[in-house]
Amino acid sequence: MNVSDNWQRQQDEIVALQAIFGEPAVEISEASGPQRSFVLHAPLDLCEARASIRVYLPETYPSGDPPIFEWIDAHDSNADRVADRPGYVIPRRQLVLSKDMRGAIEHELRRAWIEDMCCDVVIFTWVTWLDTYLAELWPRPAAPIPLPRDDSNSASTAPAASLCNGQPNKPPVDLPLADTLVRESAPGIFTGSALEMKKSVFVAHVARVFSGEDVQAVRDELMRDKKIAQATHNILAYRIRLDNGSICQDNDDDGETAAGKRLGHLLQLVEAENVVVVVTRWFGGTHLGPDRFKLINNAARQALEAGGFIDDQAKSAASKKAARK
């Protein structure tokens, strides 16, 4: 691949990054030589943060050399939510890189360029890895702290909301044993088996749907169950085949950042159609990190299979896709 080909591949990658993250997230610098550069403001969904990284593209990238990164800073997105919590202040985390972390990130950039991408464009793949890596090392989002207020006219003072994985919990509920959290399925709603880790419990509910109204009806029916309504998160995703052959799909994190998107991707992977899945999570007091996403998807997949919502052909195709990844 010659210099011209490299330049075109770089341009294609920049356009792709702008399409994924939005044009304002990619600030292109004026070229002062053969090496071009840009600042990428990358959203780190799992960290609930945004990283600003200057990326240098040598004229030999991607065919001969990997890109070079310069860490600028990271912004705590969770702290910006104070506007949504009047009467509270949210402490801002210090999101920094140690020398060892910088070394590991630089090593992964080169490794991914060589091994995963076979000396091709690598920045999006690397940023996706970076989010997972930093989520395990950076501090979790801080809980909102109530500001002092005059409660002379109030009968009592409401306690501050607690946090689970960076999001306010719903009102506390006494958690029974995991097997008692599996509800008796309402007509048309299949409820799978409970998965448990460190006292956090995950249960998936699946139903056939053919319209947005059906999706809402399923959610409303589930919310009539007090245990489900008071759970920490009810993550939802659906996928519907319309009369014209196109697919209508959407998802809802319900406070568990990026979980809805991952659940929606699972429905695509298993080629599920005309189905909605809701995964209920009761937080057990210990943060699970990225493992929580595996449990959410595992609970959903088991319910989809046990309830007969995906056929053997789709299961086989999904397994082959997962193996290729």
C-alpha atoms as a PDB file:
ATOM      1  CA  MET A   1       0.000   0.000   0.000  1.00  0.00           C
ATOM      2  CA  ASN A   2       1.523   3.342  -1.080  1.00  0.00           C
ATOM      3  CA  VAL A   3       1.277   6.772   0.582  1.00  0.00           C
ATOM      4  CA  SER A   4      -1.792   7.700  -1.447  1.00  0.00           C
ATOM      5  CA  ASP A   5      -3.601   4.527  -0.389  1.00  0.00           C
ATOM      6  CA  ASN A   6      -2.710   5.135   3.252  1.00  0.00           C
ATOM      7  CA  TRP A   7      -4.022   8.679   3.035  1.00  0.00           C
ATOM      8  CA  GLN A   8      -7.336   7.470   1.626  1.00  0.00           C
ATOM      9  CA  ARG A   9      -7.677   4.798   4.343  1.00  0.00           C
ATOM     10  CA  GLN A  10      -7.000   7.479   6.971  1.00  0.00           C
ATOM     11  CA  GLN A  11      -9.641   9.726   5.445  1.00  0.00           C
ATOM     12  CA  ASP A  12     -12.165   6.870   5.380  1.00  0.00           C
ATOM     13  CA  GLU A  13     -11.452   6.159   9.065  1.00  0.00           C
ATOM     14  CA  ILE A  14     -11.946   9.796  10.065  1.00  0.00           C
ATOM     15  CA  VAL A  15     -15.268   9.924   8.209  1.00  0.00           C
ATOM     16  CA  ALA A  16     -16.340   6.708   9.949  1.00  0.00           C
ATOM     17  CA  LEU A  17     -15.418   8.116  13.385  1.00  0.00           C
ATOM     18  CA  GLN A  18     -17.432  11.261  12.641  1.00  0.00           C
ATOM     19  CA  ALA A  19     -20.418   9.116  11.675  1.00  0.00           C
ATOM     20  CA  ILE A  20     -20.157   7.037  14.862  1.00  0.00           C
ATOM     21  CA  PHE A  21     -19.365   9.723  17.444  1.00  0.00           C
ATOM     22  CA  GLY A  22     -20.652  12.843  15.648  1.00  0.00           C
ATOM     23  CA  GLU A  23     -18.673  15.429  13.712  1.00  0.00           C
ATOM     24  CA  PRO A  24     -17.988  17.663  16.780  1.00  0.00           C
ATOM     25  CA  ALA A  25     -16.251  14.684  18.439  1.00  0.00           C
ATOM     26  CA  VAL A  26     -13.492  14.700  15.803  1.00  0.00           C
ATOM     27  CA  GLU A  27     -11.479  17.942  15.645  1.00  0.00           C
ATOM     28  CA  ILE A  28      -9.168  17.743  12.645  1.00  0.00           C
ATOM     29  CA  SER A  29      -5.911  19.712  12.903  1.00  0.00           C
ATOM     30  CA  GLU A  30      -4.359  21.523   9.971  1.00  0.00           C
ATOM     31  CA  ALA A  31      -1.630  19.380   8.461  1.00  0.00           C
ATOM     32  CA  SER A  32       1.838  20.821   9.141  1.00  0.00           C
ATOM     33  CA  GLY A  33       3.685  18.033   7.361  1.00  0.00           C
ATOM     34  CA  PRO A  34       3.213  14.492   6.089  1.00  0.00           C
ATOM     35  CA  GLN A  35       1.694  13.430   9.441  1.00  0.00           C
ATOM     36  CA  ARG A  36      -1.931  14.391  10.047  1.00  0.00           C
ATOM     37  CA  SER A  37      -3.627  14.524  13.454  1.00  0.00           C
ATOM     38  CA  PHE A  38      -6.968  15.102  15.125  1.00  0.00           C
ATOM     39  CA  VAL A  39      -8.447  15.304  18.614  1.00  0.00           C
ATOM     40  CA  LEU A  40     -11.032  12.636  19.362  1.00  0.00           C
ATOM     41  CA  HIS A  41     -13.557  13.351  22.125  1.00  0.00           C
ATOM     42  CA  ALA A  42     -14.506   9.725  22.705  1.00  0.00           C
ATOM     43  CA  PRO A  43     -17.546   8.827  24.820  1.00  0.00           C
ATOM     44  CA  LEU A  44     -16.692   6.129  27.361  1.00  0.00           C
ATOM     45  CA  ASP A  45     -20.161   4.785  28.150  1.00  0.00           C
ATOM     46  CA  LEU A  46     -19.106   2.195  30.721  1.00  0.00           C
ATOM     47  CA  CYS A  47     -17.031   4.779  32.589  1.00  0.00           C
ATOM     48  CA  GLU A  48     -19.725   7.468  32.277  1.00  0.00           C
ATOM     49  CA  ALA A  49     -16.991   9.781  31.038  1.00  0.00           C
ATOM     50  CA  ARG A  50     -15.567  11.368  27.898  1.00  0.00           C
ATOM     51  CA  ALA A  51     -11.885  11.180  26.946  1.00  0.00           C
ATOM     52  CA  SER A  52     -10.078  13.732  24.804  1.00  0.00           C
ATOM     53  CA  ILE A  53      -7.225  12.092  22.907  1.00  0.00           C
ATOM     54  CA  ARG A  54      -4.959  13.545  20.228  1.00  0.00           C
ATOM     55  CA  VAL A  55      -4.309  10.945  17.548  1.00  0.00           C
ATOM     56  CA  TYR A  56      -1.339  11.224  15.189  1.00  0.00           C
ATOM     57  CA  LEU A  57      -1.489   9.360  11.879  1.00  0.00           C
ATOM     58  CA  PRO A  58       1.951   8.768  10.312  1.00  0.00           C
ATOM     59  CA  GLU A  59       1.976   8.777   6.513  1.00  0.00           C
ATOM     60  CA  THR A  60       2.810   5.061   6.748  1.00  0.00           C
ATOM     61  CA  TYR A  61      -0.417   4.311   8.715  1.00  0.00           C
ATOM     62  CA  PRO A  62      -2.220   1.973   8.472  1.00  0.00           C
ATOM     63  CA  SER A  63      -0.108  -0.296   6.263  1.00  0.00           C
ATOM     64  CA  GLY A  64       3.313   0.185   7.905  1.00  0.00           C
ATOM     65  CA  ASP A  65       2.954   1.788  11.333  1.00  0.00           C
ATOM     66  CA  PRO A  66       0.268   2.143  14.006  1.00  0.00           C
ATOM     67  CA  PRO A  67      -1.216   5.493  15.039  1.00  0.00           C
ATOM     68  CA  ILE A  68       0.244   7.385  17.998  1.00  0.00           C
ATOM     69  CA  PHE A  69      -1.905   8.757  20.797  1.00  0.00           C
ATOM     70  CA  GLU A  70      -1.454  11.638  23.223  1.00  0.00           C
ATOM     71  CA  TRP A  71      -3.760  11.635  26.250  1.00  0.00           C
ATOM     72  CA  ILE A  72      -5.217  15.108  26.885  1.00  0.00           C
ATOM     73  CA  ASP A  73      -7.778  14.610  29.659  1.00  0.00           C
ATOM     74  CA  ALA A  74     -11.006  12.888  30.697  1.00  0.00           C
ATOM     75  CA  HIS A  75     -14.280  14.509  31.701  1.00  0.00           C
ATOM     76  CA  ASP A  76     -16.645  13.051  34.304  1.00  0.00           C
ATOM     77  CA  SER A  77     -20.002  12.979  32.501  1.00  0.00           C
ATOM     78  CA  ASN A  78     -21.819  11.759  35.609  1.00  0.00           C
ATOM     79  CA  ALA A  79     -21.033  15.000  37.451  1.00  0.00           C
ATOM     80  CA  ASP A  80     -22.853  16.960  34.725  1.00  0.00           C
ATOM     81  CA  ARG A  81     -26.130  15.383  35.823  1.00  0.00           C
ATOM     82  CA  VAL A  82     -26.337  17.692  38.819  1.00  0.00           C
ATOM     83  CA  ALA A  83     -28.776  19.822  36.790  1.00  0.00           C
ATOM     84  CA  ASP A  84     -31.167  16.854  36.868  1.00  0.00           C
ATOM     85  CA  ARG A  85     -30.878  16.563  40.654  1.00  0.00           C
ATOM     86  CA  PRO A  86     -31.857  19.920  42.209  1.00  0.00           C
ATOM     87  CA  GLY A  87     -30.845  20.080  45.829  1.00  0.00           C
ATOM     88  CA  TYR A  88     -27.869  17.769  45.322  1.00  0.00           C
ATOM     89  CA  VAL A  89     -24.203  18.104  44.407  1.00  0.00           C
ATOM     90  CA  ILE A  90     -22.329  15.332  42.594  1.00  0.00           C
ATOM     91  CA  PRO A  91     -18.586  15.106  43.395  1.00  0.00           C
ATOM     92  CA  ARG A  92     -16.408  15.117  40.288  1.00  0.00           C
ATOM     93  CA  ARG A  93     -14.037  12.167  39.930  1.00  0.00           C
ATOM     94  CA  GLN A  94     -10.351  12.557  39.104  1.00  0.00           C
ATOM     95  CA  LEU A  95      -9.986  10.457  35.956  1.00  0.00           C
ATOM     96  CA  VAL A  96      -6.280  10.188  35.261  1.00  0.00           C
ATOM     97  CA  LEU A  97      -3.851   7.696  33.767  1.00  0.00           C
ATOM     98  CA  SER A  98      -0.951   6.248  35.710  1.00  0.00           C
ATOM     99  CA  LYS A  99       2.342   5.455  33.992  1.00  0.00           C
ATOM    100  CA  ASP A 100       1.445   1.763  33.971  1.00  0.00           C
ATOM    101  CA  MET A 101      -1.993   2.479  32.491  1.00  0.00           C
ATOM    102  CA  ARG A 102      -0.462   4.565  29.700  1.00  0.00           C
ATOM    103  CA  GLY A 103       1.940   1.738  28.947  1.00  0.00           C
ATOM    104  CA  ALA A 104      -0.863  -0.835  28.814  1.00  0.00           C
ATOM    105  CA  ILE A 105      -2.978   1.391  26.546  1.00  0.00           C
ATOM    106  CA  GLU A 106      -0.063   1.994  24.179  1.00  0.00           C
ATOM    107  CA  HIS A 107       0.695  -1.743  24.094  1.00  0.00           C
ATOM    108  CA  GLU A 108      -2.949  -2.589  23.299  1.00  0.00           C
ATOM    109  CA  LEU A 109      -3.048  -0.029  20.480  1.00  0.00           C
ATOM    110  CA  ARG A 110      -0.078  -1.661  18.786  1.00  0.00           C
ATOM    111  CA  ARG A 111      -1.284  -5.204  19.527  1.00  0.00           C
ATOM    112  CA  ALA A 112      -4.768  -4.539  18.141  1.00  0.00           C
ATOM    113  CA  TRP A 113      -3.320  -2.913  15.012  1.00  0.00           C
ATOM    114  CA  ILE A 114      -1.109  -5.949  14.304  1.00  0.00           C
ATOM    115  CA  GLU A 115      -3.160  -8.905  15.557  1.00  0.00           C
ATOM    116  CA  ASP A 116      -6.816  -7.859  15.380  1.00  0.00           C
ATOM    117  CA  MET A 117      -6.829  -5.541  12.394  1.00  0.00           C
ATOM    118  CA  CYS A 118      -3.875  -7.024  10.446  1.00  0.00           C
ATOM    119  CA  CYS A 119      -2.226  -3.623   9.944  1.00  0.00           C
ATOM    120  CA  ASP A 120      -5.394  -1.793   9.015  1.00  0.00           C
ATOM    121  CA  VAL A 121      -7.357   1.069  10.613  1.00  0.00           C
ATOM    122  CA  VAL A 122      -7.731   0.416  14.329  1.00  0.00           C
ATOM    123  CA  ILE A 123      -8.891   3.489  16.229  1.00  0.00           C
ATOM    124  CA  PHE A 124     -12.560   2.554  16.784  1.00  0.00           C
ATOM    125  CA  THR A 125     -11.600  -0.980  17.900  1.00  0.00           C
ATOM    126  CA  TRP A 126      -9.030   0.479  20.294  1.00  0.00           C
ATOM    127  CA  VAL A 127     -11.431   3.044  21.774  1.00  0.00           C
ATOM    128  CA  THR A 128     -14.014   0.316  22.397  1.00  0.00           C
ATOM    129  CA  TRP A 129     -11.388  -1.685  24.296  1.00  0.00           C
ATOM    130  CA  LEU A 130     -10.281   1.455  26.147  1.00  0.00           C
ATOM    131  CA  ASP A 131     -13.774   1.958  27.590  1.00  0.00           C
ATOM    132  CA  THR A 132     -13.845  -1.564  29.053  1.00  0.00           C
ATOM    133  CA  TYR A 133     -10.259  -1.311  30.347  1.00  0.00           C
ATOM    134  CA  LEU A 134     -10.744   2.009  32.136  1.00  0.00           C
ATOM    135  CA  ALA A 135     -14.119   0.970  33.587  1.00  0.00           C
ATOM    136  CA  GLU A 136     -12.279  -1.654  35.649  1.00  0.00           C
ATOM    137  CA  LEU A 137      -9.665   0.795  36.981  1.00  0.00           C
ATOM    138  CA  TRP A 138     -11.269   4.203  37.373  1.00  0.00           C
ATOM    139  CA  PRO A 139     -13.459   4.988  40.402  1.00  0.00           C
ATOM    140  CA  ARG A 140     -17.181   4.414  40.028  1.00  0.00           C
ATOM    141  CA  PRO A 141     -19.399   7.530  39.710  1.00  0.00           C
ATOM    142  CA  ALA A 142     -19.960   9.227  43.048  1.00  0.00           C
ATOM    143  CA  ALA A 143     -23.344   9.293  44.756  1.00  0.00           C
ATOM    144  CA  PRO A 144     -25.257  12.602  44.840  1.00  0.00           C
ATOM    145  CA  ILE A 145     -24.841  14.476  48.123  1.00  0.00           C
ATOM    146  CA  PRO A 146     -27.895  16.416  49.400  1.00  0.00           C
ATOM    147  CA  LEU A 147     -27.315  20.111  49.995  1.00  0.00           C
ATOM    148  CA  PRO A 148     -28.300  21.549  53.385  1.00  0.00           C
ATOM    149  CA  ARG A 149     -31.877  22.812  53.368  1.00  0.00           C
ATOM    150  CA  ASP A 150     -34.475  24.200  55.683  1.00  0.00           C
ATOM    151  CA  ASP A 151     -36.766  21.345  56.681  1.00  0.00           C
ATOM    152  CA  SER A 152     -38.673  23.308  59.310  1.00  0.00           C
ATOM    153  CA  ASN A 153     -41.869  22.963  57.293  1.00  0.00           C
ATOM    154  CA  SER A 154     -41.331  19.317  56.454  1.00  0.00           C
ATOM    155  CA  ALA A 155     -42.518  16.431  58.531  1.00  0.00           C
ATOM    156  CA  SER A 156     -39.388  14.467  57.716  1.00  0.00           C
ATOM    157  CA  THR A 157     -36.272  14.602  55.597  1.00  0.00           C
ATOM    158  CA  ALA A 158     -36.068  12.185  52.700  1.00  0.00           C
ATOM    159  CA  PRO A 159     -32.831  10.208  52.578  1.00  0.00           C
ATOM    160  CA  ALA A 160     -30.417  10.776  49.735  1.00  0.00           C
ATOM    161  CA  ALA A 161     -30.746   8.402  46.815  1.00  0.00           C
ATOM    162  CA  SER A 162     -28.134   5.684  46.712  1.00  0.00           C
ATOM    163  CA  LEU A 163     -26.293   4.674  43.560  1.00  0.00           C
ATOM    164  CA  CYS A 164     -25.846   1.467  41.704  1.00  0.00           C
ATOM    165  CA  ASN A 165     -23.333   1.493  38.853  1.00  0.00           C
ATOM    166  CA  GLY A 166     -23.551   5.253  38.687  1.00  0.00           C
ATOM    167  CA  GLN A 167     -27.325   5.594  38.623  1.00  0.00           C
ATOM    168  CA  PRO A 168     -29.849   6.404  41.370  1.00  0.00           C
ATOM    169  CA  ASN A 169     -31.530   3.321  42.784  1.00  0.00           C
ATOM    170  CA  LYS A 170     -35.271   3.020  42.955  1.00  0.00           C
ATOM    171  CA  PRO A 171     -36.783   2.775  46.460  1.00  0.00           C
ATOM    172  CA  PRO A 172     -35.142  -0.032  48.471  1.00  0.00           C
ATOM    173  CA  VAL A 173     -36.857  -3.357  48.636  1.00  0.00           C
ATOM    174  CA  ASP A 174     -36.128  -6.404  50.782  1.00  0.00           C
ATOM    175  CA  LEU A 175     -34.588  -8.891  48.395  1.00  0.00           C
ATOM    176  CA  PRO A 176     -35.833 -12.444  48.854  1.00  0.00           C
ATOM    177  CA  LEU A 177     -33.896 -15.442  47.620  1.00  0.00           C
ATOM    178  CA  ALA A 178     -33.147 -15.483  43.895  1.00  0.00           C
ATOM    179  CA  ASP A 179     -35.586 -18.301  43.133  1.00  0.00           C
ATOM    180  CA  THR A 180     -38.502 -16.330  44.579  1.00  0.00           C
ATOM    181  CA  LEU A 181     -37.798 -13.448  42.196  1.00  0.00           C
ATOM    182  CA  VAL A 182     -38.929 -15.517  39.210  1.00  0.00           C
ATOM    183  CA  ARG A 183     -42.498 -14.344  38.766  1.00  0.00           C
ATOM    184  CA  GLU A 184     -45.455 -16.306  37.560  1.00  0.00           C
ATOM    185  CA  SER A 185     -45.572 -15.346  33.912  1.00  0.00           C
ATOM    186  CA  ALA A 186     -48.575 -13.348  32.786  1.00  0.00           C
ATOM    187  CA  PRO A 187     -50.291 -14.637  29.633  1.00  0.00           C
ATOM    188  CA  GLY A 188     -47.925 -14.065  26.702  1.00  0.00           C
ATOM    189  CA  ILE A 189     -44.893 -13.230  28.876  1.00  0.00           C
ATOM    190  CA  PHE A 190     -42.244 -15.891  29.455  1.00  0.00           C
ATOM    191  CA  THR A 191     -39.998 -15.428  32.498  1.00  0.00           C
ATOM    192  CA  GLY A 192     -36.628 -17.167  32.521  1.00  0.00           C
ATOM    193  CA  SER A 193     -34.516 -18.557  35.324  1.00  0.00           C
ATOM    194  CA  ALA A 194     -32.685 -16.226  37.709  1.00  0.00           C
ATOM    195  CA  LEU A 195     -28.915 -15.723  37.484  1.00  0.00           C
ATOM    196  CA  GLU A 196     -27.091 -14.538  40.585  1.00  0.00           C
ATOM    197  CA  MET A 197     -23.633 -13.105  41.311  1.00  0.00           C
ATOM    198  CA  LYS A 198     -22.517 -11.484  44.561  1.00  0.00           C
ATOM    199  CA  LYS A 199     -26.155 -11.118  45.632  1.00  0.00           C
ATOM    200  CA  SER A 200     -27.128  -9.274  42.446  1.00  0.00           C
ATOM    201  CA  VAL A 201     -29.963 -11.109  40.685  1.00  0.00           C
ATOM    202  CA  PHE A 202     -30.853 -10.993  36.979  1.00  0.00           C
ATOM    203  CA  VAL A 203     -34.138 -12.278  35.495  1.00  0.00           C
ATOM    204  CA  ALA A 204     -35.258 -11.977  31.864  1.00  0.00           C
ATOM    205  CA  HIS A 205     -38.858 -11.674  30.612  1.00  0.00           C
ATOM    206  CA  VAL A 206     -39.690 -12.256  26.923  1.00  0.00           C
ATOM    207  CA  ALA A 207     -42.882 -11.753  24.897  1.00  0.00           C
ATOM    208  CA  ARG A 208     -44.132 -11.673  21.313  1.00  0.00           C
ATOM    209  CA  VAL A 209     -44.817  -8.137  20.061  1.00  0.00           C
ATOM    210  CA  PHE A 210     -45.878  -6.693  16.713  1.00  0.00           C
ATOM    211  CA  SER A 211     -46.069  -2.948  17.441  1.00  0.00           C
ATOM    212  CA  GLY A 212     -44.853  -0.242  19.781  1.00  0.00           C
ATOM    213  CA  GLU A 213     -48.172  -0.496  21.602  1.00  0.00           C
ATOM    214  CA  ASP A 214     -47.471  -4.179  22.272  1.00  0.00           C
ATOM    215  CA  VAL A 215     -44.063  -3.298  23.725  1.00  0.00           C
ATOM    216  CA  GLN A 216     -45.604  -0.735  26.058  1.00  0.00           C
ATOM    217  CA  ALA A 217     -48.312  -3.184  27.101  1.00  0.00           C
ATOM    218  CA  VAL A 218     -45.704  -5.791  28.063  1.00  0.00           C
ATOM    219  CA  ARG A 219     -43.729  -3.240  30.057  1.00  0.00           C
ATOM    220  CA  ASP A 220     -46.879  -2.020  31.824  1.00  0.00           C
ATOM    221  CA  GLU A 221     -47.836  -5.593  32.712  1.00  0.00           C
ATOM    222  CA  LEU A 222     -44.396  -6.278  34.188  1.00  0.00           C
ATOM    223  CA  MET A 223     -44.479  -3.054  36.201  1.00  0.00           C
ATOM    224  CA  ARG A 224     -47.644  -4.260  37.941  1.00  0.00           C
ATOM    225  CA  ASP A 225     -45.372  -6.683  39.783  1.00  0.00           C
ATOM    226  CA  LYS A 226     -44.090  -4.757  42.815  1.00  0.00           C
ATOM    227  CA  LYS A 227     -40.766  -6.606  42.956  1.00  0.00           C
ATOM    228  CA  ILE A 228     -40.055  -5.817  39.300  1.00  0.00           C
ATOM    229  CA  ALA A 229     -41.193  -2.191  39.575  1.00  0.00           C
ATOM    230  CA  GLN A 230     -38.847  -1.638  42.545  1.00  0.00           C
ATOM    231  CA  ALA A 231     -35.857  -3.384  40.937  1.00  0.00           C
ATOM    232  CA  THR A 232     -32.702  -1.395  40.325  1.00  0.00           C
ATOM    233  CA  HIS A 233     -32.912  -1.651  36.529  1.00  0.00           C
ATOM    234  CA  ASN A 234     -35.358  -2.995  33.942  1.00  0.00           C
ATOM    235  CA  ILE A 235     -33.336  -3.047  30.722  1.00  0.00           C
ATOM    236  CA  LEU A 236     -35.444  -3.389  27.572  1.00  0.00           C
ATOM    237  CA  ALA A 237     -34.850  -4.133  23.904  1.00  0.00           C
ATOM    238  CA  TYR A 238     -37.195  -5.099  21.097  1.00  0.00           C
ATOM    239  CA  ARG A 239     -37.004  -6.036  17.422  1.00  0.00           C
ATOM    240  CA  ILE A 240     -40.078  -6.080  15.148  1.00  0.00           C
ATOM    241  CA  ARG A 241     -40.421  -7.051  11.469  1.00  0.00           C
ATOM    242  CA  LEU A 242     -42.756  -4.552   9.789  1.00  0.00           C
ATOM    243  CA  ASP A 243     -45.189  -5.328   6.950  1.00  0.00           C
ATOM    244  CA  ASN A 244     -42.851  -3.732   4.411  1.00  0.00           C
ATOM    245  CA  GLY A 245     -40.044  -6.092   5.440  1.00  0.00           C
ATOM    246  CA  SER A 246     -37.959  -3.541   7.330  1.00  0.00           C
ATOM    247  CA  ILE A 247     -36.903  -3.960  10.967  1.00  0.00           C
ATOM    248  CA  CYS A 248     -38.052  -1.611  13.738  1.00  0.00           C
ATOM    249  CA  GLN A 249     -35.862  -1.852  16.836  1.00  0.00           C
ATOM    250  CA  ASP A 250     -35.003   0.170  19.922  1.00  0.00           C
ATOM    251  CA  ASN A 251     -33.776  -0.245  23.491  1.00  0.00           C
ATOM    252  CA  ASP A 252     -33.830   1.382  26.923  1.00  0.00           C
ATOM    253  CA  ASP A 253     -30.955   1.246  29.450  1.00  0.00           C
ATOM    254  CA  ASP A 254     -33.151   2.201  32.429  1.00  0.00           C
ATOM    255  CA  GLY A 255     -30.066   3.695  34.060  1.00  0.00           C
ATOM    256  CA  GLU A 256     -27.654   0.851  33.280  1.00  0.00           C
ATOM    257  CA  THR A 257     -25.469   2.691  30.791  1.00  0.00           C
ATOM    258  CA  ALA A 258     -24.971   0.885  27.454  1.00  0.00           C
ATOM    259  CA  ALA A 259     -26.882  -2.236  28.609  1.00  0.00           C
ATOM    260  CA  GLY A 260     -29.864  -1.622  26.308  1.00  0.00           C
ATOM    261  CA  LYS A 261     -27.643  -1.315  23.250  1.00  0.00           C
ATOM    262  CA  ARG A 262     -25.896  -4.590  24.121  1.00  0.00           C
ATOM    263  CA  LEU A 263     -29.250  -6.302  24.638  1.00  0.00           C
ATOM    264  CA  GLY A 264     -30.430  -5.024  21.257  1.00  0.00           C
ATOM    265  CA  HIS A 265     -27.246  -6.366  19.667  1.00  0.00           C
ATOM    266  CA  LEU A 266     -28.012  -9.791  21.158  1.00  0.00           C
ATOM    267  CA  LEU A 267     -31.431  -9.772  19.459  1.00  0.00           C
ATOM    268  CA  GLN A 268     -29.697  -9.003  16.160  1.00  0.00           C
ATOM    269  CA  LEU A 269     -27.116 -11.732  16.739  1.00  0.00           C
ATOM    270  CA  VAL A 270     -29.731 -14.441  17.348  1.00  0.00           C
ATOM    271  CA  GLU A 271     -31.922 -13.002  14.563  1.00  0.00           C
ATOM    272  CA  ALA A 272     -34.900 -12.669  16.915  1.00  0.00           C
ATOM    273  CA  GLU A 273     -37.941 -10.933  15.398  1.00  0.00           C
ATOM    274  CA  ASN A 274     -41.255  -9.707  16.815  1.00  0.00           C
ATOM    275  CA  VAL A 275     -39.950 -10.030  20.338  1.00  0.00           C
ATOM    276  CA  VAL A 276     -39.311  -7.806  23.353  1.00  0.00           C
ATOM    277  CA  VAL A 277     -36.981  -8.778  26.177  1.00  0.00           C
ATOM    278  CA  VAL A 278     -36.789  -7.074  29.568  1.00  0.00           C
ATOM    279  CA  VAL A 279     -33.958  -7.992  31.943  1.00  0.00           C
ATOM    280  CA  THR A 280     -34.654  -7.088  35.552  1.00  0.00           C
ATOM    281  CA  ARG A 281     -31.685  -6.517  37.857  1.00  0.00           C
ATOM    282  CA  TRP A 282     -31.781  -6.300  41.620  1.00  0.00           C
ATOM    283  CA  PHE A 283     -28.501  -4.795  42.881  1.00  0.00           C
ATOM    284  CA  GLY A 284     -26.912  -6.841  45.653  1.00  0.00           C
ATOM    285  CA  GLY A 285     -24.572  -4.219  47.105  1.00  0.00           C
ATOM    286  CA  THR A 286     -21.363  -5.131  45.234  1.00  0.00           C
ATOM    287  CA  HIS A 287     -20.407  -3.570  41.898  1.00  0.00           C
ATOM    288  CA  LEU A 288     -19.841  -6.252  39.270  1.00  0.00           C
ATOM    289  CA  GLY A 289     -18.038  -4.176  36.650  1.00  0.00           C
ATOM    290  CA  PRO A 290     -18.251  -5.461  33.048  1.00  0.00           C
ATOM    291  CA  ASP A 291     -19.449  -8.869  34.324  1.00  0.00           C
ATOM    292  CA  ARG A 292     -22.925  -7.376  34.755  1.00  0.00           C
ATOM    293  CA  PHE A 293     -23.300  -7.079  30.977  1.00  0.00           C
ATOM    294  CA  LYS A 294     -22.480 -10.770  30.517  1.00  0.00           C
ATOM    295  CA  LEU A 295     -25.127 -11.688  33.093  1.00  0.00           C
ATOM    296  CA  ILE A 296     -27.734  -9.434  31.468  1.00  0.00           C
ATOM    297  CA  ASN A 297     -27.163 -10.979  28.041  1.00  0.00           C
ATOM    298  CA  ASN A 298     -26.893 -14.527  29.405  1.00  0.00           C
ATOM    299  CA  ALA A 299     -30.212 -14.165  31.249  1.00  0.00           C
ATOM    300  CA  ALA A 300     -31.842 -12.812  28.079  1.00  0.00           C
ATOM    301  CA  ARG A 301     -30.425 -15.500  25.799  1.00  0.00           C
ATOM    302  CA  GLN A 302     -31.443 -18.324  28.133  1.00  0.00           C
ATOM    303  CA  ALA A 303     -35.000 -16.973  28.293  1.00  0.00           C
ATOM    304  CA  LEU A 304     -35.166 -16.558  24.506  1.00  0.00           C
ATOM    305  CA  GLU A 305     -34.070 -20.158  24.012  1.00  0.00           C
ATOM    306  CA  ALA A 306     -36.155 -21.683  26.802  1.00  0.00           C
ATOM    307  CA  GLY A 307     -39.265 -19.808  25.684  1.00  0.00           C
ATOM    308  CA  GLY A 308     -38.876 -20.901  22.064  1.00  0.00           C
ATOM    309  CA  PHE A 309     -38.397 -17.367  20.703  1.00  0.00           C
ATOM    310  CA  ILE A 310     -35.383 -18.314  18.559  1.00  0.00           C
ATOM    311  CA  ASP A 311     -35.067 -21.420  16.412  1.00  0.00           C
ATOM    312  CA  ASP A 312     -32.155 -23.841  16.118  1.00  0.00           C
ATOM    313  CA  GLN A 313     -31.003 -22.277  12.859  1.00  0.00           C
ATOM    314  CA  ALA A 314     -30.717 -18.847  14.503  1.00  0.00           C
ATOM    315  CA  LYS A 315     -28.871 -20.373  17.478  1.00  0.00           C
ATOM    316  CA  SER A 316     -26.365 -22.011  15.139  1.00  0.00           C
ATOM    317  CA  ALA A 317     -25.853 -18.811  13.135  1.00  0.00           C
ATOM    318  CA  ALA A 318     -25.321 -16.789  16.321  1.00  0.00           C
ATOM    319  CA  SER A 319     -22.751 -19.289  17.613  1.00  0.00           C
ATOM    320  CA  LYS A 320     -20.828 -19.088  14.342  1.00  0.00           C
ATOM    321  CA  LYS A 321     -20.853 -15.266  14.446  1.00  0.00           C
ATOM    322  CA  ALA A 322     -19.617 -15.295  18.044  1.00  0.00           C
ATOM    323  CA  ALA A 323     -16.852 -17.760  17.126  1.00  0.00           C
ATOM    324  CA  ARG A 324     -15.686 -15.529  14.262  1.00  0.00           C
ATOM    325  CA  LYS A 325     -15.399 -12.610  16.708  1.00  0.00           C
END
